[in-house]
Amino acid sequence: MIQVKVVDTRNKQDVNQFISVPFNLYKNCPQWVPPFISDVKFMLNRDKHPFFERSDGDFLIATKGNEVVGRLMVMEHKPFNAYHQCKKMSFTMFDSIDDQEVANALFEYGFEWGRKRGLNEVVGPKGMCSFDGYGILESGFDQRQMMTMSSYNYPYYPKLMENMGFEKEVDFVSCSLPMEKFILPEKIHEVARRVQERGTLKVKNFKSRRELIDYAPTIGEAYNNTFVNNWEYYPLSPAEVKYLLSQLMSVLDYRLIKIITHEEKMIGFLVAFPDISDALQRQKGRITPWGIVDLLTTMKRTKYVTLNGAGILPDFQGRGGNALLYSEMYKTIHDFGFVHAELTQVAETTRQMRKDLINVGGVEYKNHRVYHRAI
């Protein structure tokens, strides 16, 4: 008999049970990268996490006898629904043993949760905030998870979803880009030079971590005003911008951030992070003094990088914008001595960018699928 209950987020035992599910499920899985336990606890903190300022959600755990066998978070993301004029329930942090009854029990509870709030469709996985990562891994199960910027799951997960009547909403593809295969014609660099010389487009590089922090509100404002056509878009609150930047700063090298502007307005960006997945695996979700040393050392020595945020507004893609973006991408990977890059979770709706990535030597090697169904 499967029992589902709502986590009391003020109860330490309940919170720990929810957090422990993936740690138990993936403890012998070399592809899984654990999050920091403190970060997950913060997600369950209704008083501090910015999501709960404007939205609502509950955390569910499923038990079979005395064993916790699954978990799920269900959400009414009010800013997203208001912007897209829809009544969608979102979900994230779905984990389950290979048992359809467990998945069914969790989601049936979630569906009823949504119906009571007048919601008529469910979509996910999509996180509590932008950049939490999207989808259930649908291919690329032999590849290691890219830090915690995307998720890993076992191959049986898609079948669990399909058996509950879920269908594809949108796919997010990750591309492998070895440096020796990154072919960028000199013509691309030449176009990039010309548009900068004309002053049509400019690249802003940051000289210090402090400068990037000071520039953060501008980035948040530009995101809210610019990327309104993205599938996952919703207007960020100041608290969400602050939270996102605090999360990113822990693995951020200011030199790897590029902002592309037109008449002082942000029309594109390139955000890269050193890949510290192996250090995160060694720390097993804990933060200790020695662990911090390990993380910082790995950040300096790693030869792998993820580009988890790259794009140019469509109006500028044929006006030198794409050339400038890929020229800067090449410089970032080459100048810092990285031997391999992953372009993490590129939405299938950005067709031109996916085509460009393949043309410069990228190989699509992971696919995360966001699902939907009526409730």
Protein backbone atom coordinates (compact mmCIF):
# COMPACT_ATOMS: atom_id res chain seq x y z
CA MET A 1 0.00 0.00 0.00
CA ILE A 2 1.47 3.34 -1.09
CA GLN A 3 0.91 6.24 1.28
CA VAL A 4 1.42 9.86 0.20
CA LYS A 5 1.74 12.71 2.64
CA VAL A 6 2.51 16.41 2.51
CA VAL A 7 5.84 17.35 4.06
CA ASP A 8 5.61 19.61 7.09
CA THR A 9 8.38 22.00 6.10
CA ARG A 10 8.86 23.02 9.73
CA ASN A 11 9.42 19.41 10.77
CA LYS A 12 13.09 18.43 10.55
CA GLN A 13 12.36 14.72 10.10
CA ASP A 14 9.93 15.36 7.24
CA VAL A 15 12.38 17.69 5.51
CA ASN A 16 15.24 15.21 5.85
CA GLN A 17 13.08 12.40 4.46
CA PHE A 18 12.24 14.47 1.39
CA ILE A 19 15.87 15.45 0.81
CA SER A 20 17.21 11.91 1.30
CA VAL A 21 15.17 10.29 -1.51
CA PRO A 22 17.63 10.94 -4.41
CA PHE A 23 20.66 10.39 -2.16
CA ASN A 24 19.40 6.87 -1.45
CA LEU A 25 18.17 6.23 -4.99
CA TYR A 26 21.38 7.29 -6.74
CA LYS A 27 24.03 6.51 -4.13
CA ASN A 28 25.74 3.98 -6.43
CA CYS A 29 25.13 5.89 -9.67
CA PRO A 30 28.32 7.42 -11.18
CA GLN A 31 26.34 9.81 -13.41
CA TRP A 32 24.41 11.52 -10.61
CA VAL A 33 25.76 14.75 -9.09
CA PRO A 34 24.34 15.57 -5.64
CA PRO A 35 23.11 19.04 -4.75
CA PHE A 36 24.22 20.71 -1.56
CA ILE A 37 21.84 19.60 1.18
CA SER A 38 21.75 23.15 2.52
CA ASP A 39 20.52 24.40 -0.88
CA VAL A 40 17.66 21.89 -0.93
CA LYS A 41 16.71 22.79 2.64
CA PHE A 42 16.49 26.41 1.53
CA MET A 43 14.03 25.39 -1.21
CA LEU A 44 11.76 24.01 1.52
CA ASN A 45 12.01 27.20 3.58
CA ARG A 46 8.72 29.00 3.01
CA ASP A 47 9.88 32.04 4.97
CA LYS A 48 13.04 32.68 2.96
CA HIS A 49 12.84 31.22 -0.55
CA PRO A 50 11.65 33.96 -2.98
CA PHE A 51 9.34 31.52 -4.80
CA PHE A 52 6.91 31.60 -1.89
CA GLU A 53 6.59 35.40 -2.00
CA ARG A 54 4.31 35.15 -5.04
CA SER A 55 3.50 31.47 -5.50
CA ASP A 56 2.43 28.35 -3.66
CA GLY A 57 3.57 24.75 -3.54
CA ASP A 58 3.73 21.57 -1.51
CA PHE A 59 6.30 18.83 -1.10
CA LEU A 60 5.09 15.22 -1.16
CA ILE A 61 6.69 11.95 -0.09
CA ALA A 62 5.48 8.43 -0.85
CA THR A 63 6.07 5.56 1.55
CA LYS A 64 5.72 1.80 1.14
CA GLY A 65 5.67 0.24 4.57
CA ASN A 66 8.40 2.02 6.49
CA GLU A 67 10.41 2.95 3.40
CA VAL A 68 10.32 6.31 1.61
CA VAL A 69 10.10 5.35 -2.07
CA GLY A 70 9.37 8.61 -3.89
CA ARG A 71 8.92 12.36 -3.73
CA LEU A 72 7.40 15.22 -5.72
CA MET A 73 6.95 18.97 -5.47
CA VAL A 74 3.77 20.48 -6.93
CA MET A 75 3.43 24.20 -7.59
CA GLU A 76 1.08 26.93 -8.63
CA HIS A 77 3.57 29.31 -10.23
CA LYS A 78 1.42 32.43 -10.26
CA PRO A 79 3.78 34.83 -12.13
CA PHE A 80 4.26 32.24 -14.90
CA ASN A 81 0.52 31.61 -15.19
CA ALA A 82 -0.30 35.31 -15.15
CA TYR A 83 2.21 36.11 -17.89
CA HIS A 84 1.15 33.21 -20.13
CA GLN A 85 -2.55 33.56 -19.24
CA CYS A 86 -2.91 29.91 -18.31
CA LYS A 87 -3.91 27.75 -15.35
CA LYS A 88 -1.01 25.33 -15.15
CA MET A 89 0.26 23.31 -12.23
CA SER A 90 4.01 22.79 -12.36
CA PHE A 91 6.04 20.02 -10.79
CA THR A 92 9.68 19.41 -9.98
CA MET A 93 11.91 17.22 -7.79
CA PHE A 94 10.19 14.03 -8.93
CA ASP A 95 12.03 10.90 -7.83
CA SER A 96 10.73 7.36 -7.59
CA ILE A 97 11.82 3.77 -7.44
CA ASP A 98 10.97 1.74 -10.55
CA ASP A 99 7.36 1.21 -9.52
CA GLN A 100 4.43 2.63 -11.48
CA GLU A 101 2.20 2.54 -8.40
CA VAL A 102 4.52 4.93 -6.58
CA ALA A 103 4.53 7.42 -9.46
CA ASN A 104 0.76 7.11 -9.87
CA ALA A 105 0.13 7.75 -6.18
CA LEU A 106 2.33 10.85 -6.09
CA PHE A 107 0.86 12.39 -9.21
CA GLU A 108 -2.76 11.54 -8.42
CA TYR A 109 -2.30 13.42 -5.17
CA GLY A 110 -0.70 16.24 -7.16
CA PHE A 111 -3.50 16.33 -9.74
CA GLU A 112 -6.09 16.69 -7.00
CA TRP A 113 -3.97 19.43 -5.40
CA GLY A 114 -4.09 21.30 -8.72
CA ARG A 115 -7.79 20.78 -9.31
CA LYS A 116 -8.63 22.25 -5.90
CA ARG A 117 -6.85 25.43 -7.01
CA GLY A 118 -8.72 25.65 -10.30
CA LEU A 119 -5.76 24.52 -12.41
CA ASN A 120 -6.46 22.50 -15.55
CA GLU A 121 -3.08 21.34 -16.85
CA VAL A 122 0.18 20.07 -15.39
CA VAL A 123 3.62 20.71 -16.88
CA GLY A 124 7.11 19.78 -15.78
CA PRO A 125 9.62 19.17 -14.53
CA LYS A 126 10.33 22.87 -14.31
CA GLY A 127 11.89 24.36 -11.21
CA MET A 128 10.89 26.92 -8.65
CA CYS A 129 13.03 29.59 -10.35
CA SER A 130 14.54 30.23 -13.76
CA PHE A 131 17.78 28.32 -14.39
CA ASP A 132 16.79 25.46 -12.05
CA GLY A 133 16.92 23.12 -15.03
CA TYR A 134 14.13 21.51 -17.00
CA GLY A 135 12.80 18.11 -17.89
CA ILE A 136 13.32 14.43 -17.35
CA LEU A 137 16.39 12.89 -18.96
CA GLU A 138 15.16 11.03 -22.03
CA SER A 139 18.48 10.14 -23.68
CA GLY A 140 22.15 10.30 -22.70
CA PHE A 141 21.92 8.11 -19.60
CA ASP A 142 25.61 7.18 -19.83
CA GLN A 143 26.67 10.84 -19.48
CA ARG A 144 27.37 12.52 -16.18
CA GLN A 145 24.98 15.21 -15.00
CA MET A 146 26.30 18.74 -15.51
CA MET A 147 26.68 19.88 -11.91
CA THR A 148 23.18 20.73 -10.66
CA MET A 149 22.21 22.84 -13.69
CA SER A 150 20.34 19.90 -15.15
CA SER A 151 19.08 16.66 -13.67
CA TYR A 152 19.89 12.97 -13.96
CA ASN A 153 17.42 10.12 -13.73
CA TYR A 154 17.31 6.42 -14.51
CA PRO A 155 16.06 5.20 -17.93
CA TYR A 156 12.73 4.01 -16.52
CA TYR A 157 11.51 7.54 -15.73
CA PRO A 158 10.12 8.43 -19.20
CA LYS A 159 8.00 5.27 -19.18
CA LEU A 160 6.60 6.19 -15.75
CA MET A 161 5.51 9.52 -17.21
CA GLU A 162 4.05 8.13 -20.42
CA ASN A 163 2.08 5.48 -18.53
CA MET A 164 0.34 8.30 -16.63
CA GLY A 165 -0.79 9.94 -19.85
CA PHE A 166 1.92 12.59 -20.06
CA GLU A 167 2.99 13.83 -23.48
CA LYS A 168 5.90 15.91 -24.72
CA GLU A 169 5.67 19.65 -24.14
CA VAL A 170 9.19 20.71 -25.17
CA ASP A 171 12.69 19.21 -25.29
CA PHE A 172 15.92 20.74 -24.01
CA VAL A 173 19.05 19.39 -25.71
CA SER A 174 22.60 19.52 -24.35
CA CYS A 175 25.48 19.55 -26.84
CA SER A 176 29.00 18.23 -26.44
CA LEU A 177 31.63 20.50 -27.98
CA PRO A 178 35.24 19.22 -27.83
CA MET A 179 37.69 22.04 -28.48
CA GLU A 180 39.50 20.14 -31.25
CA LYS A 181 36.21 19.87 -33.16
CA PHE A 182 35.09 23.45 -32.57
CA ILE A 183 35.41 24.72 -36.13
CA LEU A 184 34.81 28.42 -36.53
CA PRO A 185 35.64 29.93 -39.95
CA GLU A 186 37.77 33.07 -39.92
CA LYS A 187 34.87 34.80 -41.64
CA ILE A 188 32.89 34.57 -38.39
CA HIS A 189 35.63 36.30 -36.41
CA GLU A 190 35.88 38.95 -39.14
CA VAL A 191 32.15 39.70 -39.00
CA ALA A 192 32.38 39.91 -35.21
CA ARG A 193 35.25 42.40 -35.47
CA ARG A 194 33.37 44.56 -37.98
CA VAL A 195 30.16 44.89 -35.98
CA GLN A 196 32.19 45.92 -32.93
CA GLU A 197 34.28 48.40 -34.92
CA ARG A 198 31.11 49.99 -36.29
CA GLY A 199 29.78 50.21 -32.76
CA THR A 200 26.58 48.41 -33.76
CA LEU A 201 27.04 45.74 -31.13
CA LYS A 202 29.36 45.76 -28.14
CA VAL A 203 30.66 43.10 -25.78
CA LYS A 204 30.82 43.94 -22.10
CA ASN A 205 33.51 42.07 -20.18
CA PHE A 206 33.71 42.27 -16.41
CA LYS A 207 36.93 43.27 -14.74
CA SER A 208 36.10 42.02 -11.25
CA ARG A 209 33.60 40.02 -9.25
CA ARG A 210 32.46 43.25 -7.59
CA GLU A 211 31.67 44.84 -10.95
CA LEU A 212 29.53 41.84 -11.90
CA ILE A 213 27.63 42.00 -8.60
CA ASP A 214 27.01 45.73 -9.10
CA TYR A 215 25.78 45.06 -12.65
CA ALA A 216 23.38 42.32 -11.52
CA PRO A 217 20.23 44.48 -11.22
CA THR A 218 20.77 45.66 -14.79
CA ILE A 219 20.96 42.04 -15.96
CA GLY A 220 17.75 41.21 -14.12
CA GLU A 221 15.96 44.22 -15.58
CA ALA A 222 17.21 43.40 -19.07
CA TYR A 223 16.03 39.79 -18.74
CA ASN A 224 12.55 40.96 -17.75
CA ASN A 225 12.35 43.36 -20.70
CA THR A 226 14.07 41.33 -23.37
CA PHE A 227 13.54 37.57 -23.31
CA VAL A 228 9.76 37.68 -23.18
CA ASN A 229 9.26 35.13 -25.98
CA ASN A 230 11.15 32.28 -24.33
CA TRP A 231 9.00 29.25 -23.52
CA GLU A 232 10.08 29.26 -19.88
CA TYR A 233 9.94 33.04 -19.38
CA TYR A 234 8.19 34.88 -16.58
CA PRO A 235 9.10 38.27 -15.03
CA LEU A 236 11.59 37.87 -12.20
CA SER A 237 11.12 39.75 -8.95
CA PRO A 238 14.07 41.65 -7.40
CA ALA A 239 14.25 38.95 -4.71
CA GLU A 240 14.46 36.22 -7.36
CA VAL A 241 17.23 38.06 -9.22
CA LYS A 242 19.18 38.39 -5.97
CA TYR A 243 18.65 34.71 -5.12
CA LEU A 244 19.67 33.49 -8.57
CA LEU A 245 22.85 35.53 -8.52
CA SER A 246 23.75 34.34 -5.03
CA GLN A 247 23.39 30.75 -6.29
CA LEU A 248 25.41 31.37 -9.43
CA MET A 249 28.19 33.24 -7.65
CA SER A 250 29.27 30.07 -5.86
CA VAL A 251 30.50 28.57 -9.16
CA LEU A 252 30.99 31.76 -11.14
CA ASP A 253 34.14 33.17 -12.69
CA TYR A 254 33.37 36.76 -13.67
CA ARG A 255 35.76 36.49 -16.63
CA LEU A 256 33.48 33.88 -18.23
CA ILE A 257 30.45 36.19 -18.37
CA LYS A 258 29.86 38.24 -21.54
CA ILE A 259 27.00 40.67 -22.17
CA ILE A 260 26.22 41.78 -25.75
CA THR A 261 24.57 45.18 -26.07
CA HIS A 262 22.96 47.36 -28.73
CA GLU A 263 22.60 51.04 -27.84
CA GLU A 264 23.29 50.19 -24.19
CA LYS A 265 20.52 47.58 -24.09
CA MET A 266 21.29 43.89 -23.51
CA ILE A 267 20.39 41.86 -26.58
CA GLY A 268 22.51 38.78 -25.92
CA PHE A 269 24.65 37.03 -23.37
CA LEU A 270 27.13 34.23 -22.80
CA VAL A 271 27.37 32.64 -19.37
CA ALA A 272 29.97 29.94 -18.75
CA PHE A 273 30.87 28.00 -15.61
CA PRO A 274 33.85 25.79 -14.80
CA ASP A 275 32.63 22.20 -14.48
CA ILE A 276 33.14 21.07 -10.88
CA SER A 277 30.88 18.01 -11.06
CA ASP A 278 33.55 15.63 -9.80
CA ALA A 279 34.20 17.79 -6.72
CA LEU A 280 30.46 17.95 -5.99
CA GLN A 281 30.34 14.16 -6.18
CA ARG A 282 33.22 13.87 -3.72
CA GLN A 283 31.49 16.17 -1.22
CA LYS A 284 28.22 14.15 -1.28
CA GLY A 285 26.06 17.21 -0.61
CA ARG A 286 28.02 18.43 2.42
CA ILE A 287 29.82 21.74 2.87
CA THR A 288 32.98 21.47 4.97
CA PRO A 289 36.17 23.56 5.11
CA TRP A 290 38.11 20.88 3.23
CA GLY A 291 35.23 20.54 0.80
CA ILE A 292 35.37 24.25 -0.01
CA VAL A 293 39.10 23.92 -0.72
CA ASP A 294 38.37 20.97 -3.01
CA LEU A 295 35.68 22.92 -4.88
CA LEU A 296 37.86 26.01 -5.35
CA THR A 297 40.84 23.93 -6.46
CA THR A 298 38.73 22.02 -8.97
CA MET A 299 37.27 25.29 -10.26
CA LYS A 300 40.77 26.52 -11.10
CA ARG A 301 42.09 23.25 -12.55
CA THR A 302 39.16 21.82 -14.49
CA LYS A 303 39.48 21.57 -18.25
CA TYR A 304 35.74 21.30 -18.72
CA VAL A 305 33.24 24.14 -18.95
CA THR A 306 29.49 24.47 -19.32
CA LEU A 307 27.84 27.22 -21.29
CA ASN A 308 24.49 27.38 -19.54
CA GLY A 309 23.10 30.55 -20.98
CA ALA A 310 23.81 31.77 -24.47
CA GLY A 311 21.59 33.59 -26.88
CA ILE A 312 20.92 36.54 -29.15
CA LEU A 313 17.55 38.13 -29.75
CA PRO A 314 16.12 37.02 -33.13
CA ASP A 315 16.16 40.58 -34.52
CA PHE A 316 19.97 40.67 -34.21
CA GLN A 317 20.84 37.13 -35.32
CA GLY A 318 21.22 38.15 -38.95
CA ARG A 319 22.94 41.44 -38.18
CA GLY A 320 26.22 40.07 -36.87
CA GLY A 321 24.82 39.02 -33.51
CA ASN A 322 25.29 35.29 -34.02
CA ALA A 323 28.80 35.79 -35.37
CA LEU A 324 29.71 37.86 -32.32
CA LEU A 325 28.20 35.30 -29.95
CA TYR A 326 30.11 32.36 -31.44
CA SER A 327 33.32 34.33 -31.71
CA GLU A 328 33.11 35.14 -28.01
CA MET A 329 32.20 31.53 -27.26
CA TYR A 330 35.33 30.35 -29.08
CA LYS A 331 37.51 32.85 -27.21
CA THR A 332 36.07 31.80 -23.86
CA ILE A 333 36.79 28.11 -24.43
CA HIS A 334 40.17 28.61 -26.14
CA ASP A 335 41.69 31.41 -24.06
CA PHE A 336 41.04 29.66 -20.74
CA GLY A 337 42.50 26.37 -21.90
CA PHE A 338 39.31 24.33 -21.71
CA VAL A 339 39.35 21.13 -23.75
CA HIS A 340 35.63 20.43 -23.71
CA ALA A 341 32.44 22.45 -23.41
CA GLU A 342 28.86 21.43 -22.82
CA LEU A 343 26.10 23.73 -23.99
CA THR A 344 23.55 22.84 -21.38
CA GLN A 345 19.82 22.63 -22.08
CA VAL A 346 19.23 24.49 -25.34
CA ALA A 347 15.47 24.66 -25.94
CA GLU A 348 14.31 23.01 -29.17
CA THR A 349 12.36 26.19 -29.90
CA THR A 350 15.70 27.97 -30.51
CA ARG A 351 16.09 26.20 -33.85
CA GLN A 352 18.69 28.54 -35.33
CA MET A 353 21.01 28.17 -32.36
CA ARG A 354 20.76 24.37 -32.42
CA LYS A 355 21.55 24.40 -36.14
CA ASP A 356 24.52 26.70 -35.55
CA LEU A 357 25.90 24.51 -32.76
CA ILE A 358 25.92 21.46 -35.02
CA ASN A 359 27.60 23.49 -37.78
CA VAL A 360 30.50 24.46 -35.47
CA GLY A 361 31.12 20.88 -34.31
CA GLY A 362 28.63 20.35 -31.51
CA VAL A 363 27.00 16.96 -30.97
CA GLU A 364 23.61 16.59 -29.31
CA TYR A 365 24.23 14.01 -26.58
CA LYS A 366 21.60 14.55 -23.87
CA ASN A 367 17.91 15.29 -24.11
CA HIS A 368 15.65 16.43 -21.28
CA ARG A 369 11.91 16.36 -21.91
CA VAL A 370 9.28 18.55 -20.29
CA TYR A 371 5.90 16.81 -20.18
CA HIS A 372 2.32 17.98 -19.96
CA ARG A 373 -1.18 16.56 -19.53
CA ALA A 374 -4.64 17.80 -18.69
CA ILE A 375 -5.99 17.36 -15.17
